[in-house]
Amino acid sequence: MSYNKKQIAVLVSGNGSNLQAIIDAIKSNQLKNTEVAIVISNKPNAYALHRAQTEGIKNVFINPSEFNTIQDFDKKIIDVLKTHNIDLIVLAGYTKILSSELINAFNNKIINIHPSLLPLFGGKGMYGQKVHEAVLKSGVKETGCTVHFVTQEVDAGPIILQKKIPVLSSDTIETLSKKVLGEEHSLLIEGINLALFENLPIKKAENYLQNTI
């Protein structure tokens, strides 16, 4: 661990392509003075853990079934995070909803990437392909992705950045997912840079969005 660098933790549940984007951005100096201190997963077979292992990044699976409540589970995560002097937590395909204990322990230091233009198609149960299915069923003409601060209300924290893409009549869940994911990678890196280095006040994040779209 390099204490002169910003320390980020990445919480994952699946493939970890956004984690890989972070790793690649650090290598290419798109993310300067930053390192991934730890990767935490709630899924034992998450490929994201393999990605971290391959890169020599400390990683850990924490089993939710070993805890009686989500609060107890998140207290374990808090304990792990606090041993790494974390500056920012990035939720990258993490499917568990955070407890108030974890959010309060790292107030204004947690960001999430969501595969829609929030506040549309967000909230509890809206993740992954469920989002793209809902987008297609709705008939909207554009979708995209959002980087936002995490607060008590699911997917309702102040928005940092958004990227729009058109929804074509020929799109399927698979094609839409692929297009949105391609935009997620670069948007997440921009969002991390802002959250770490630009002192972006959480109360002004939405104003920042309005001025940059």
N, C-alpha and C. Protein backbone atom coordinates (compact mmCIF):
# COMPACT_ATOMS: atom_id res chain seq x y z
N MET A 1 0.84 -1.20 0.00
CA MET A 1 0.00 0.00 0.00
C MET A 1 0.87 1.25 0.00
N SER A 2 0.55 2.21 -0.85
CA SER A 2 1.28 3.47 -0.92
C SER A 2 0.43 4.57 -0.32
N TYR A 3 0.88 5.11 0.80
CA TYR A 3 0.04 6.06 1.52
C TYR A 3 0.00 7.43 0.86
N ASN A 4 0.85 7.67 -0.13
CA ASN A 4 0.76 8.92 -0.86
C ASN A 4 -0.23 8.83 -2.00
N LYS A 5 -0.80 7.68 -2.20
CA LYS A 5 -1.82 7.49 -3.23
C LYS A 5 -3.20 7.36 -2.61
N LYS A 6 -4.20 7.78 -3.37
CA LYS A 6 -5.59 7.58 -2.94
C LYS A 6 -5.91 6.09 -2.95
N GLN A 7 -6.56 5.64 -1.89
CA GLN A 7 -6.88 4.22 -1.74
C GLN A 7 -8.36 4.00 -2.04
N ILE A 8 -8.65 3.16 -3.02
CA ILE A 8 -10.05 2.85 -3.33
C ILE A 8 -10.34 1.38 -3.07
N ALA A 9 -11.55 1.12 -2.64
CA ALA A 9 -12.05 -0.24 -2.48
C ALA A 9 -13.12 -0.45 -3.53
N VAL A 10 -13.14 -1.62 -4.13
CA VAL A 10 -14.14 -1.93 -5.16
C VAL A 10 -14.97 -3.11 -4.67
N LEU A 11 -16.28 -2.90 -4.58
CA LEU A 11 -17.20 -3.96 -4.18
C LEU A 11 -17.85 -4.54 -5.43
N VAL A 12 -17.81 -5.86 -5.55
CA VAL A 12 -18.22 -6.54 -6.78
C VAL A 12 -19.08 -7.76 -6.47
N SER A 13 -19.81 -8.19 -7.48
CA SER A 13 -20.60 -9.42 -7.35
C SER A 13 -20.47 -10.34 -8.56
N GLY A 14 -19.90 -9.83 -9.66
CA GLY A 14 -19.93 -10.62 -10.88
C GLY A 14 -18.65 -10.61 -11.68
N ASN A 15 -18.79 -10.34 -12.97
CA ASN A 15 -17.68 -10.48 -13.92
C ASN A 15 -16.53 -9.51 -13.66
N GLY A 16 -16.86 -8.31 -13.25
CA GLY A 16 -15.82 -7.36 -12.89
C GLY A 16 -15.22 -6.59 -14.04
N SER A 17 -15.98 -6.36 -15.11
CA SER A 17 -15.41 -5.60 -16.23
C SER A 17 -15.16 -4.15 -15.84
N ASN A 18 -15.98 -3.59 -14.96
CA ASN A 18 -15.73 -2.23 -14.49
C ASN A 18 -14.51 -2.19 -13.57
N LEU A 19 -14.31 -3.23 -12.79
CA LEU A 19 -13.07 -3.33 -12.01
C LEU A 19 -11.87 -3.35 -12.94
N GLN A 20 -11.96 -4.11 -14.01
CA GLN A 20 -10.85 -4.17 -14.98
C GLN A 20 -10.60 -2.80 -15.60
N ALA A 21 -11.68 -2.06 -15.85
CA ALA A 21 -11.53 -0.72 -16.40
C ALA A 21 -10.77 0.18 -15.43
N ILE A 22 -11.03 0.02 -14.14
CA ILE A 22 -10.32 0.79 -13.13
C ILE A 22 -8.84 0.40 -13.11
N ILE A 23 -8.57 -0.89 -13.12
CA ILE A 23 -7.19 -1.39 -13.13
C ILE A 23 -6.44 -0.86 -14.34
N ASP A 24 -7.08 -0.94 -15.51
CA ASP A 24 -6.44 -0.47 -16.75
C ASP A 24 -6.21 1.04 -16.72
N ALA A 25 -7.16 1.78 -16.13
CA ALA A 25 -7.02 3.24 -16.06
C ALA A 25 -5.87 3.64 -15.15
N ILE A 26 -5.65 2.88 -14.09
CA ILE A 26 -4.51 3.15 -13.21
C ILE A 26 -3.21 2.87 -13.95
N LYS A 27 -3.17 1.77 -14.69
CA LYS A 27 -1.96 1.41 -15.44
C LYS A 27 -1.64 2.46 -16.51
N SER A 28 -2.67 3.00 -17.14
CA SER A 28 -2.46 3.97 -18.23
C SER A 28 -2.38 5.40 -17.73
N ASN A 29 -2.45 5.57 -16.41
CA ASN A 29 -2.35 6.89 -15.77
C ASN A 29 -3.56 7.78 -16.02
N GLN A 30 -4.67 7.18 -16.47
CA GLN A 30 -5.92 7.94 -16.51
C GLN A 30 -6.42 8.23 -15.10
N LEU A 31 -6.15 7.28 -14.21
CA LEU A 31 -6.37 7.50 -12.78
C LEU A 31 -5.00 7.67 -12.14
N LYS A 32 -4.64 8.90 -11.83
CA LYS A 32 -3.32 9.18 -11.28
C LYS A 32 -3.34 9.12 -9.75
N ASN A 33 -2.20 8.74 -9.20
CA ASN A 33 -2.04 8.72 -7.74
C ASN A 33 -3.15 7.96 -7.04
N THR A 34 -3.52 6.85 -7.63
CA THR A 34 -4.63 6.03 -7.13
C THR A 34 -4.24 4.57 -7.19
N GLU A 35 -4.69 3.79 -6.21
CA GLU A 35 -4.53 2.35 -6.31
C GLU A 35 -5.71 1.64 -5.67
N VAL A 36 -5.99 0.44 -6.16
CA VAL A 36 -7.05 -0.38 -5.59
C VAL A 36 -6.46 -1.09 -4.38
N ALA A 37 -6.93 -0.72 -3.20
CA ALA A 37 -6.40 -1.32 -1.98
C ALA A 37 -6.98 -2.71 -1.74
N ILE A 38 -8.26 -2.87 -2.07
CA ILE A 38 -8.91 -4.16 -1.84
C ILE A 38 -10.16 -4.29 -2.70
N VAL A 39 -10.43 -5.52 -3.09
CA VAL A 39 -11.67 -5.87 -3.80
C VAL A 39 -12.45 -6.82 -2.90
N ILE A 40 -13.72 -6.51 -2.68
CA ILE A 40 -14.57 -7.31 -1.80
C ILE A 40 -15.77 -7.81 -2.60
N SER A 41 -16.07 -9.10 -2.45
CA SER A 41 -17.22 -9.68 -3.15
C SER A 41 -18.12 -10.43 -2.17
N ASN A 42 -19.41 -10.40 -2.47
CA ASN A 42 -20.38 -11.20 -1.72
C ASN A 42 -20.68 -12.52 -2.44
N LYS A 43 -19.97 -12.78 -3.53
CA LYS A 43 -20.15 -14.01 -4.31
C LYS A 43 -18.80 -14.73 -4.41
N PRO A 44 -18.74 -16.00 -4.02
CA PRO A 44 -17.44 -16.69 -4.00
C PRO A 44 -16.84 -16.93 -5.38
N ASN A 45 -17.70 -17.05 -6.38
CA ASN A 45 -17.21 -17.37 -7.73
C ASN A 45 -17.21 -16.16 -8.65
N ALA A 46 -17.28 -14.98 -8.09
CA ALA A 46 -17.26 -13.77 -8.92
C ALA A 46 -15.93 -13.69 -9.67
N TYR A 47 -16.01 -13.56 -10.98
CA TYR A 47 -14.79 -13.51 -11.79
C TYR A 47 -13.95 -12.28 -11.44
N ALA A 48 -14.61 -11.28 -10.88
CA ALA A 48 -13.89 -10.08 -10.46
C ALA A 48 -12.79 -10.42 -9.46
N LEU A 49 -13.02 -11.41 -8.61
CA LEU A 49 -11.99 -11.82 -7.65
C LEU A 49 -10.77 -12.38 -8.37
N HIS A 50 -11.02 -13.12 -9.44
CA HIS A 50 -9.92 -13.65 -10.25
C HIS A 50 -9.14 -12.51 -10.90
N ARG A 51 -9.85 -11.50 -11.38
CA ARG A 51 -9.17 -10.36 -11.98
C ARG A 51 -8.24 -9.69 -10.95
N ALA A 52 -8.75 -9.51 -9.74
CA ALA A 52 -7.94 -8.90 -8.70
C ALA A 52 -6.73 -9.76 -8.37
N GLN A 53 -6.96 -11.06 -8.25
CA GLN A 53 -5.88 -11.98 -7.92
C GLN A 53 -4.79 -11.94 -8.99
N THR A 54 -5.20 -11.91 -10.24
CA THR A 54 -4.26 -11.87 -11.36
C THR A 54 -3.38 -10.61 -11.30
N GLU A 55 -3.95 -9.52 -10.82
CA GLU A 55 -3.23 -8.25 -10.76
C GLU A 55 -2.48 -8.05 -9.44
N GLY A 56 -2.55 -9.04 -8.58
CA GLY A 56 -1.87 -8.92 -7.29
C GLY A 56 -2.56 -7.98 -6.32
N ILE A 57 -3.86 -7.78 -6.51
CA ILE A 57 -4.64 -6.90 -5.64
C ILE A 57 -5.29 -7.74 -4.55
N LYS A 58 -5.19 -7.28 -3.31
CA LYS A 58 -5.80 -8.01 -2.21
C LYS A 58 -7.30 -8.13 -2.45
N ASN A 59 -7.84 -9.32 -2.24
CA ASN A 59 -9.26 -9.53 -2.49
C ASN A 59 -9.82 -10.51 -1.48
N VAL A 60 -11.11 -10.38 -1.21
CA VAL A 60 -11.72 -11.21 -0.19
C VAL A 60 -13.19 -11.47 -0.52
N PHE A 61 -13.62 -12.68 -0.28
CA PHE A 61 -15.03 -13.04 -0.34
C PHE A 61 -15.56 -13.04 1.08
N ILE A 62 -16.62 -12.29 1.30
CA ILE A 62 -17.28 -12.29 2.60
C ILE A 62 -18.66 -12.90 2.41
N ASN A 63 -18.92 -13.98 3.10
CA ASN A 63 -20.13 -14.79 2.89
C ASN A 63 -21.31 -14.22 3.66
N PRO A 64 -22.32 -13.71 2.96
CA PRO A 64 -23.48 -13.13 3.65
C PRO A 64 -24.21 -14.15 4.53
N SER A 65 -24.17 -15.42 4.15
CA SER A 65 -24.90 -16.45 4.90
C SER A 65 -24.31 -16.70 6.29
N GLU A 66 -23.13 -16.17 6.54
CA GLU A 66 -22.50 -16.34 7.85
C GLU A 66 -22.97 -15.29 8.85
N PHE A 67 -23.82 -14.38 8.41
CA PHE A 67 -24.28 -13.28 9.27
C PHE A 67 -25.79 -13.31 9.38
N ASN A 68 -26.29 -12.93 10.55
CA ASN A 68 -27.72 -12.98 10.79
C ASN A 68 -28.48 -11.85 10.10
N THR A 69 -27.83 -10.72 9.95
CA THR A 69 -28.49 -9.56 9.36
C THR A 69 -27.55 -8.87 8.37
N ILE A 70 -28.13 -8.05 7.51
CA ILE A 70 -27.32 -7.25 6.58
C ILE A 70 -26.45 -6.27 7.36
N GLN A 71 -26.94 -5.83 8.52
CA GLN A 71 -26.15 -4.91 9.34
C GLN A 71 -24.87 -5.59 9.83
N ASP A 72 -25.00 -6.84 10.28
CA ASP A 72 -23.82 -7.58 10.74
C ASP A 72 -22.85 -7.84 9.59
N PHE A 73 -23.40 -8.18 8.44
CA PHE A 73 -22.58 -8.41 7.24
C PHE A 73 -21.81 -7.14 6.88
N ASP A 74 -22.49 -6.02 6.86
CA ASP A 74 -21.84 -4.76 6.50
C ASP A 74 -20.85 -4.30 7.56
N LYS A 75 -21.08 -4.64 8.82
CA LYS A 75 -20.11 -4.31 9.86
C LYS A 75 -18.79 -5.02 9.61
N LYS A 76 -18.87 -6.24 9.11
CA LYS A 76 -17.65 -6.96 8.75
C LYS A 76 -16.94 -6.24 7.60
N ILE A 77 -17.70 -5.80 6.61
CA ILE A 77 -17.11 -5.05 5.49
C ILE A 77 -16.46 -3.76 6.00
N ILE A 78 -17.14 -3.07 6.91
CA ILE A 78 -16.58 -1.84 7.48
C ILE A 78 -15.25 -2.12 8.15
N ASP A 79 -15.18 -3.20 8.92
CA ASP A 79 -13.93 -3.56 9.60
C ASP A 79 -12.80 -3.77 8.60
N VAL A 80 -13.11 -4.46 7.50
CA VAL A 80 -12.09 -4.72 6.47
C VAL A 80 -11.66 -3.41 5.82
N LEU A 81 -12.63 -2.58 5.48
CA LEU A 81 -12.33 -1.32 4.80
C LEU A 81 -11.48 -0.40 5.67
N LYS A 82 -11.78 -0.35 6.95
CA LYS A 82 -11.07 0.58 7.82
C LYS A 82 -9.61 0.19 8.04
N THR A 83 -9.26 -1.05 7.77
CA THR A 83 -7.85 -1.46 7.89
C THR A 83 -7.04 -1.02 6.68
N HIS A 84 -7.72 -0.47 5.65
CA HIS A 84 -7.03 -0.08 4.41
C HIS A 84 -7.08 1.43 4.14
N ASN A 85 -7.52 2.21 5.12
CA ASN A 85 -7.51 3.67 4.97
C ASN A 85 -8.16 4.12 3.65
N ILE A 86 -9.36 3.65 3.42
CA ILE A 86 -10.04 3.86 2.15
C ILE A 86 -10.51 5.30 1.97
N ASP A 87 -10.18 5.87 0.82
CA ASP A 87 -10.63 7.22 0.46
C ASP A 87 -11.95 7.19 -0.29
N LEU A 88 -12.21 6.11 -1.04
CA LEU A 88 -13.43 6.03 -1.86
C LEU A 88 -13.80 4.57 -2.06
N ILE A 89 -15.09 4.29 -1.91
CA ILE A 89 -15.64 2.96 -2.20
C ILE A 89 -16.38 3.04 -3.53
N VAL A 90 -16.07 2.12 -4.42
CA VAL A 90 -16.73 2.07 -5.73
C VAL A 90 -17.56 0.80 -5.81
N LEU A 91 -18.85 0.95 -6.01
CA LEU A 91 -19.72 -0.21 -6.25
C LEU A 91 -19.72 -0.47 -7.74
N ALA A 92 -19.17 -1.61 -8.14
CA ALA A 92 -19.02 -1.93 -9.57
C ALA A 92 -19.68 -3.28 -9.84
N GLY A 93 -20.99 -3.22 -10.10
CA GLY A 93 -21.72 -4.46 -10.29
C GLY A 93 -21.96 -5.19 -8.98
N TYR A 94 -22.08 -4.43 -7.90
CA TYR A 94 -22.34 -5.01 -6.57
C TYR A 94 -23.84 -5.08 -6.38
N THR A 95 -24.37 -6.27 -6.10
CA THR A 95 -25.82 -6.48 -6.15
C THR A 95 -26.52 -6.37 -4.81
N LYS A 96 -25.78 -6.24 -3.71
CA LYS A 96 -26.42 -6.09 -2.41
C LYS A 96 -26.66 -4.62 -2.10
N ILE A 97 -27.79 -4.34 -1.50
CA ILE A 97 -28.10 -2.99 -1.07
C ILE A 97 -27.37 -2.72 0.25
N LEU A 98 -26.71 -1.58 0.33
CA LEU A 98 -25.93 -1.26 1.51
C LEU A 98 -26.81 -0.87 2.68
N SER A 99 -26.38 -1.26 3.88
CA SER A 99 -27.08 -0.86 5.09
C SER A 99 -26.72 0.58 5.46
N SER A 100 -27.52 1.17 6.33
CA SER A 100 -27.24 2.53 6.78
C SER A 100 -25.91 2.59 7.54
N GLU A 101 -25.54 1.49 8.20
CA GLU A 101 -24.27 1.46 8.93
C GLU A 101 -23.09 1.69 8.00
N LEU A 102 -23.09 1.01 6.87
CA LEU A 102 -21.98 1.15 5.93
C LEU A 102 -22.00 2.53 5.26
N ILE A 103 -23.17 2.98 4.88
CA ILE A 103 -23.27 4.29 4.24
C ILE A 103 -22.82 5.40 5.19
N ASN A 104 -23.23 5.32 6.44
CA ASN A 104 -22.86 6.34 7.41
C ASN A 104 -21.38 6.29 7.78
N ALA A 105 -20.81 5.09 7.76
CA ALA A 105 -19.39 4.94 8.11
C ALA A 105 -18.49 5.58 7.06
N PHE A 106 -18.98 5.65 5.83
CA PHE A 106 -18.22 6.25 4.73
C PHE A 106 -19.08 7.30 4.02
N ASN A 107 -19.59 8.21 4.79
CA ASN A 107 -20.51 9.22 4.28
C ASN A 107 -19.86 10.05 3.17
N ASN A 108 -20.56 10.12 2.04
CA ASN A 108 -20.10 10.88 0.86
C ASN A 108 -18.83 10.30 0.24
N LYS A 109 -18.51 9.05 0.57
CA LYS A 109 -17.31 8.41 0.03
C LYS A 109 -17.64 7.12 -0.70
N ILE A 110 -18.89 6.97 -1.12
CA ILE A 110 -19.31 5.77 -1.86
C ILE A 110 -19.98 6.22 -3.15
N ILE A 111 -19.52 5.66 -4.28
CA ILE A 111 -20.16 5.95 -5.56
C ILE A 111 -20.58 4.65 -6.22
N ASN A 112 -21.54 4.76 -7.11
CA ASN A 112 -22.08 3.59 -7.80
C ASN A 112 -22.21 3.90 -9.29
N ILE A 113 -22.08 2.87 -10.11
CA ILE A 113 -22.36 2.98 -11.55
C ILE A 113 -23.64 2.20 -11.82
N HIS A 114 -24.61 2.87 -12.46
CA HIS A 114 -25.91 2.24 -12.71
C HIS A 114 -26.21 2.30 -14.21
N PRO A 115 -26.74 1.19 -14.79
CA PRO A 115 -26.91 1.12 -16.25
C PRO A 115 -28.20 1.73 -16.78
N SER A 116 -28.52 2.93 -16.32
CA SER A 116 -29.64 3.67 -16.90
C SER A 116 -29.45 5.15 -16.60
N LEU A 117 -30.33 5.96 -17.15
CA LEU A 117 -30.30 7.40 -16.87
C LEU A 117 -31.17 7.65 -15.64
N LEU A 118 -30.57 7.52 -14.47
CA LEU A 118 -31.34 7.77 -13.25
C LEU A 118 -31.91 9.18 -13.25
N PRO A 119 -33.07 9.38 -12.66
CA PRO A 119 -33.80 8.45 -11.80
C PRO A 119 -34.63 7.38 -12.53
N LEU A 120 -34.58 7.35 -13.84
CA LEU A 120 -35.34 6.33 -14.58
C LEU A 120 -34.71 4.95 -14.38
N PHE A 121 -35.55 3.96 -14.20
CA PHE A 121 -35.15 2.55 -14.16
C PHE A 121 -34.13 2.26 -13.06
N GLY A 122 -34.35 2.87 -11.91
CA GLY A 122 -33.52 2.61 -10.75
C GLY A 122 -34.36 2.09 -9.60
N GLY A 123 -33.70 1.85 -8.47
CA GLY A 123 -34.40 1.40 -7.28
C GLY A 123 -34.15 -0.07 -6.99
N LYS A 124 -34.73 -0.52 -5.92
CA LYS A 124 -34.52 -1.88 -5.45
C LYS A 124 -34.92 -2.90 -6.51
N GLY A 125 -34.05 -3.86 -6.75
CA GLY A 125 -34.33 -4.92 -7.72
C GLY A 125 -33.98 -4.57 -9.15
N MET A 126 -33.59 -3.33 -9.39
CA MET A 126 -33.26 -2.90 -10.75
C MET A 126 -31.74 -2.93 -10.94
N TYR A 127 -31.26 -3.99 -11.52
CA TYR A 127 -29.83 -4.12 -11.79
C TYR A 127 -29.64 -5.05 -12.99
N GLY A 128 -28.48 -4.91 -13.63
CA GLY A 128 -28.13 -5.80 -14.73
C GLY A 128 -29.14 -5.79 -15.85
N GLN A 129 -29.44 -6.98 -16.35
CA GLN A 129 -30.31 -7.09 -17.51
C GLN A 129 -31.76 -6.71 -17.20
N LYS A 130 -32.13 -6.72 -15.93
CA LYS A 130 -33.48 -6.29 -15.57
C LYS A 130 -33.71 -4.83 -15.97
N VAL A 131 -32.66 -4.04 -15.86
CA VAL A 131 -32.76 -2.63 -16.24
C VAL A 131 -33.00 -2.51 -17.74
N HIS A 132 -32.20 -3.21 -18.52
CA HIS A 132 -32.31 -3.10 -19.98
C HIS A 132 -33.64 -3.67 -20.48
N GLU A 133 -34.12 -4.70 -19.84
CA GLU A 133 -35.43 -5.24 -20.20
C GLU A 133 -36.52 -4.20 -19.96
N ALA A 134 -36.44 -3.51 -18.83
CA ALA A 134 -37.43 -2.48 -18.52
C ALA A 134 -37.34 -1.31 -19.49
N VAL A 135 -36.12 -0.95 -19.88
CA VAL A 135 -35.93 0.13 -20.85
C VAL A 135 -36.61 -0.21 -22.16
N LEU A 136 -36.38 -1.42 -22.66
CA LEU A 136 -36.97 -1.83 -23.94
C LEU A 136 -38.49 -1.90 -23.86
N LYS A 137 -39.00 -2.39 -22.76
CA LYS A 137 -40.45 -2.50 -22.61
C LYS A 137 -41.12 -1.13 -22.53
N SER A 138 -40.38 -0.15 -22.04
CA SER A 138 -40.97 1.19 -21.85
C SER A 138 -41.13 1.94 -23.16
N GLY A 139 -40.30 1.61 -24.15
CA GLY A 139 -40.36 2.31 -25.43
C GLY A 139 -39.60 3.63 -25.47
N VAL A 140 -38.79 3.92 -24.46
CA VAL A 140 -38.02 5.17 -24.48
C VAL A 140 -37.02 5.15 -25.63
N LYS A 141 -36.63 6.32 -26.07
CA LYS A 141 -35.74 6.45 -27.23
C LYS A 141 -34.27 6.60 -26.86
N GLU A 142 -33.98 6.77 -25.58
CA GLU A 142 -32.59 6.84 -25.15
C GLU A 142 -32.43 6.26 -23.75
N THR A 143 -31.25 5.76 -23.50
CA THR A 143 -30.89 5.26 -22.18
C THR A 143 -29.44 5.66 -21.94
N GLY A 144 -28.76 4.95 -21.07
CA GLY A 144 -27.37 5.30 -20.82
C GLY A 144 -26.91 4.76 -19.49
N CYS A 145 -26.04 5.51 -18.81
CA CYS A 145 -25.52 5.08 -17.53
C CYS A 145 -25.26 6.29 -16.65
N THR A 146 -25.18 6.03 -15.35
CA THR A 146 -25.09 7.10 -14.37
C THR A 146 -24.07 6.75 -13.30
N VAL A 147 -23.22 7.70 -12.96
CA VAL A 147 -22.37 7.58 -11.77
C VAL A 147 -22.94 8.52 -10.72
N HIS A 148 -23.20 7.99 -9.53
CA HIS A 148 -23.83 8.81 -8.49
C HIS A 148 -23.30 8.45 -7.11
N PHE A 149 -23.45 9.39 -6.19
CA PHE A 149 -23.15 9.10 -4.80
C PHE A 149 -24.21 8.17 -4.23
N VAL A 150 -23.80 7.33 -3.30
CA VAL A 150 -24.72 6.38 -2.66
C VAL A 150 -25.25 6.99 -1.37
N THR A 151 -26.58 7.00 -1.26
CA THR A 151 -27.25 7.48 -0.06
C THR A 151 -28.24 6.42 0.41
N GLN A 152 -29.02 6.76 1.43
CA GLN A 152 -29.92 5.77 2.02
C GLN A 152 -30.97 5.27 1.03
N GLU A 153 -31.40 6.14 0.13
CA GLU A 153 -32.41 5.74 -0.85
C GLU A 153 -31.72 5.13 -2.07
N VAL A 154 -32.14 3.93 -2.43
CA VAL A 154 -31.47 3.17 -3.49
C VAL A 154 -31.52 3.92 -4.82
N ASP A 155 -30.34 4.10 -5.41
CA ASP A 155 -30.18 4.73 -6.73
C ASP A 155 -30.70 6.16 -6.78
N ALA A 156 -30.77 6.82 -5.63
CA ALA A 156 -31.34 8.18 -5.60
C ALA A 156 -30.35 9.22 -5.11
N GLY A 157 -29.09 8.84 -4.93
CA GLY A 157 -28.09 9.80 -4.49
C GLY A 157 -27.76 10.81 -5.57
N PRO A 158 -27.15 11.93 -5.20
CA PRO A 158 -26.80 12.98 -6.17
C PRO A 158 -25.98 12.44 -7.33
N ILE A 159 -26.34 12.88 -8.51
CA ILE A 159 -25.70 12.39 -9.74
C ILE A 159 -24.41 13.16 -9.99
N ILE A 160 -23.36 12.43 -10.34
CA ILE A 160 -22.07 13.03 -10.68
C ILE A 160 -21.95 13.19 -12.19
N LEU A 161 -22.21 12.12 -12.93
CA LEU A 161 -22.08 12.13 -14.39
C LEU A 161 -23.12 11.20 -15.01
N GLN A 162 -23.53 11.52 -16.23
CA GLN A 162 -24.36 10.61 -17.02
C GLN A 162 -23.89 10.60 -18.47
N LYS A 163 -24.13 9.49 -19.14
CA LYS A 163 -23.85 9.39 -20.58
C LYS A 163 -25.08 8.80 -21.25
N LYS A 164 -25.55 9.46 -22.30
CA LYS A 164 -26.74 9.02 -23.02
C LYS A 164 -26.36 8.25 -24.27
N ILE A 165 -27.17 7.24 -24.59
CA ILE A 165 -27.05 6.53 -25.87
C ILE A 165 -28.45 6.29 -26.42
N PRO A 166 -28.59 6.24 -27.74
CA PRO A 166 -29.92 6.01 -28.32
C PRO A 166 -30.35 4.55 -28.16
N VAL A 167 -31.65 4.36 -28.03
CA VAL A 167 -32.23 3.01 -28.05
C VAL A 167 -32.81 2.79 -29.44
N LEU A 168 -32.28 1.81 -30.15
CA LEU A 168 -32.73 1.54 -31.51
C LEU A 168 -33.86 0.52 -31.52
N SER A 169 -34.67 0.57 -32.58
CA SER A 169 -35.78 -0.39 -32.69
C SER A 169 -35.28 -1.82 -32.82
N SER A 170 -34.04 -1.97 -33.27
CA SER A 170 -33.45 -3.30 -33.44
C SER A 170 -32.77 -3.82 -32.17
N ASP A 171 -32.70 -3.00 -31.15
CA ASP A 171 -31.98 -3.39 -29.93
C ASP A 171 -32.67 -4.54 -29.20
N THR A 172 -31.84 -5.40 -28.64
CA THR A 172 -32.30 -6.45 -27.73
C THR A 172 -31.67 -6.18 -26.37
N ILE A 173 -32.07 -6.98 -25.39
CA ILE A 173 -31.45 -6.83 -24.07
C ILE A 173 -29.94 -6.99 -24.17
N GLU A 174 -29.50 -7.93 -24.99
CA GLU A 174 -28.08 -8.22 -25.11
C GLU A 174 -27.33 -7.07 -25.79
N THR A 175 -27.88 -6.54 -26.88
CA THR A 175 -27.18 -5.46 -27.59
C THR A 175 -27.17 -4.18 -26.76
N LEU A 176 -28.28 -3.92 -26.09
CA LEU A 176 -28.35 -2.72 -25.26
C LEU A 176 -27.38 -2.83 -24.09
N SER A 177 -27.33 -3.99 -23.48
CA SER A 177 -26.41 -4.22 -22.37
C SER A 177 -24.97 -3.98 -22.79
N LYS A 178 -24.62 -4.48 -23.96
CA LYS A 178 -23.25 -4.33 -24.45
C LYS A 178 -22.92 -2.86 -24.71
N LYS A 179 -23.85 -2.13 -25.31
CA LYS A 179 -23.60 -0.72 -25.62
C LYS A 179 -23.46 0.12 -24.34
N VAL A 180 -24.34 -0.13 -23.39
CA VAL A 180 -24.29 0.63 -22.14
C VAL A 180 -23.02 0.31 -21.37
N LEU A 181 -22.66 -0.97 -21.32
CA LEU A 181 -21.46 -1.37 -20.59
C LEU A 181 -20.21 -0.71 -21.17
N GLY A 182 -20.18 -0.58 -22.48
CA GLY A 182 -19.05 0.09 -23.12
C GLY A 182 -18.89 1.52 -22.67
N GLU A 183 -20.01 2.19 -22.40
CA GLU A 183 -19.96 3.57 -21.91
C GLU A 183 -19.69 3.63 -20.41
N GLU A 184 -20.12 2.61 -19.68
CA GLU A 184 -19.91 2.58 -18.23
C GLU A 184 -18.43 2.70 -17.88
N HIS A 185 -17.59 1.99 -18.62
CA HIS A 185 -16.18 1.92 -18.27
C HIS A 185 -15.54 3.30 -18.22
N SER A 186 -15.71 4.09 -19.27
CA SER A 186 -15.09 5.41 -19.31
C SER A 186 -15.76 6.37 -18.34
N LEU A 187 -17.08 6.27 -18.20
CA LEU A 187 -17.80 7.18 -17.31
C LEU A 187 -17.40 6.94 -15.86
N LEU A 188 -17.21 5.68 -15.49
CA LEU A 188 -16.82 5.36 -14.13
C LEU A 188 -15.46 5.97 -13.79
N ILE A 189 -14.53 5.90 -14.72
CA ILE A 189 -13.21 6.48 -14.48
C ILE A 189 -13.32 7.98 -14.28
N GLU A 190 -14.12 8.65 -15.11
CA GLU A 190 -14.33 10.09 -14.94
C GLU A 190 -14.94 10.39 -13.57
N GLY A 191 -15.90 9.57 -13.18
CA GLY A 191 -16.56 9.77 -11.90
C GLY A 191 -15.62 9.59 -10.72
N ILE A 192 -14.76 8.58 -10.80
CA ILE A 192 -13.79 8.35 -9.73
C ILE A 192 -12.84 9.54 -9.63
N ASN A 193 -12.36 10.01 -10.75
CA ASN A 193 -11.46 11.18 -10.74
C ASN A 193 -12.13 12.38 -10.07
N LEU A 194 -13.39 12.62 -10.41
CA LEU A 194 -14.10 13.75 -9.81
C LEU A 194 -14.27 13.56 -8.31
N ALA A 195 -14.69 12.37 -7.91
CA ALA A 195 -14.96 12.11 -6.49
C ALA A 195 -13.68 12.18 -5.66
N LEU A 196 -12.56 11.77 -6.23
CA LEU A 196 -11.30 11.73 -5.48
C LEU A 196 -10.57 13.07 -5.47
N PHE A 197 -10.58 13.77 -6.59
CA PHE A 197 -9.65 14.89 -6.75
C PHE A 197 -10.29 16.26 -6.95
N GLU A 198 -11.58 16.31 -7.18
CA GLU A 198 -12.19 17.61 -7.49
C GLU A 198 -12.97 18.20 -6.33
N ASN A 199 -12.95 17.52 -5.18
CA ASN A 199 -13.66 18.01 -4.00
C ASN A 199 -15.11 18.37 -4.34
N LEU A 200 -15.74 17.50 -5.07
CA LEU A 200 -17.10 17.75 -5.53
C LEU A 200 -18.07 17.66 -4.35
N PRO A 201 -18.68 18.77 -3.95
CA PRO A 201 -19.62 18.71 -2.82
C PRO A 201 -20.84 17.88 -3.19
N ILE A 202 -21.23 16.99 -2.32
CA ILE A 202 -22.35 16.10 -2.65
C ILE A 202 -23.63 16.91 -2.90
N LYS A 203 -23.81 18.01 -2.21
CA LYS A 203 -25.05 18.77 -2.39
C LYS A 203 -25.08 19.50 -3.73
N LYS A 204 -23.91 19.60 -4.39
CA LYS A 204 -23.84 20.31 -5.66
C LYS A 204 -23.63 19.36 -6.84
N ALA A 205 -23.65 18.08 -6.58
CA ALA A 205 -23.36 17.13 -7.66
C ALA A 205 -24.38 17.24 -8.78
N GLU A 206 -25.65 17.44 -8.44
CA GLU A 206 -26.67 17.54 -9.47
C GLU A 206 -26.52 18.82 -10.28
N ASN A 207 -26.06 19.88 -9.63
CA ASN A 207 -25.80 21.12 -10.36
C ASN A 207 -24.65 20.92 -11.34
N TYR A 208 -23.66 20.15 -10.91
CA TYR A 208 -22.53 19.85 -11.80
C TYR A 208 -23.05 19.13 -13.04
N LEU A 209 -23.94 18.17 -12.83
CA LEU A 209 -24.49 17.43 -13.96
C LEU A 209 -25.20 18.37 -14.93
N GLN A 210 -26.03 19.27 -14.40
CA GLN A 210 -26.81 20.15 -15.25
C GLN A 210 -25.90 21.07 -16.07
N ASN A 211 -24.75 21.38 -15.52
CA ASN A 211 -23.84 22.28 -16.23
C ASN A 211 -22.97 21.58 -17.26
N THR A 212 -22.98 20.26 -17.25
CA THR A 212 -22.03 19.55 -18.14
C THR A 212 -22.72 18.68 -19.18
N ILE A 213 -24.00 18.44 -19.07
CA ILE A 213 -24.68 17.63 -20.09
C ILE A 213 -24.85 18.45 -21.37
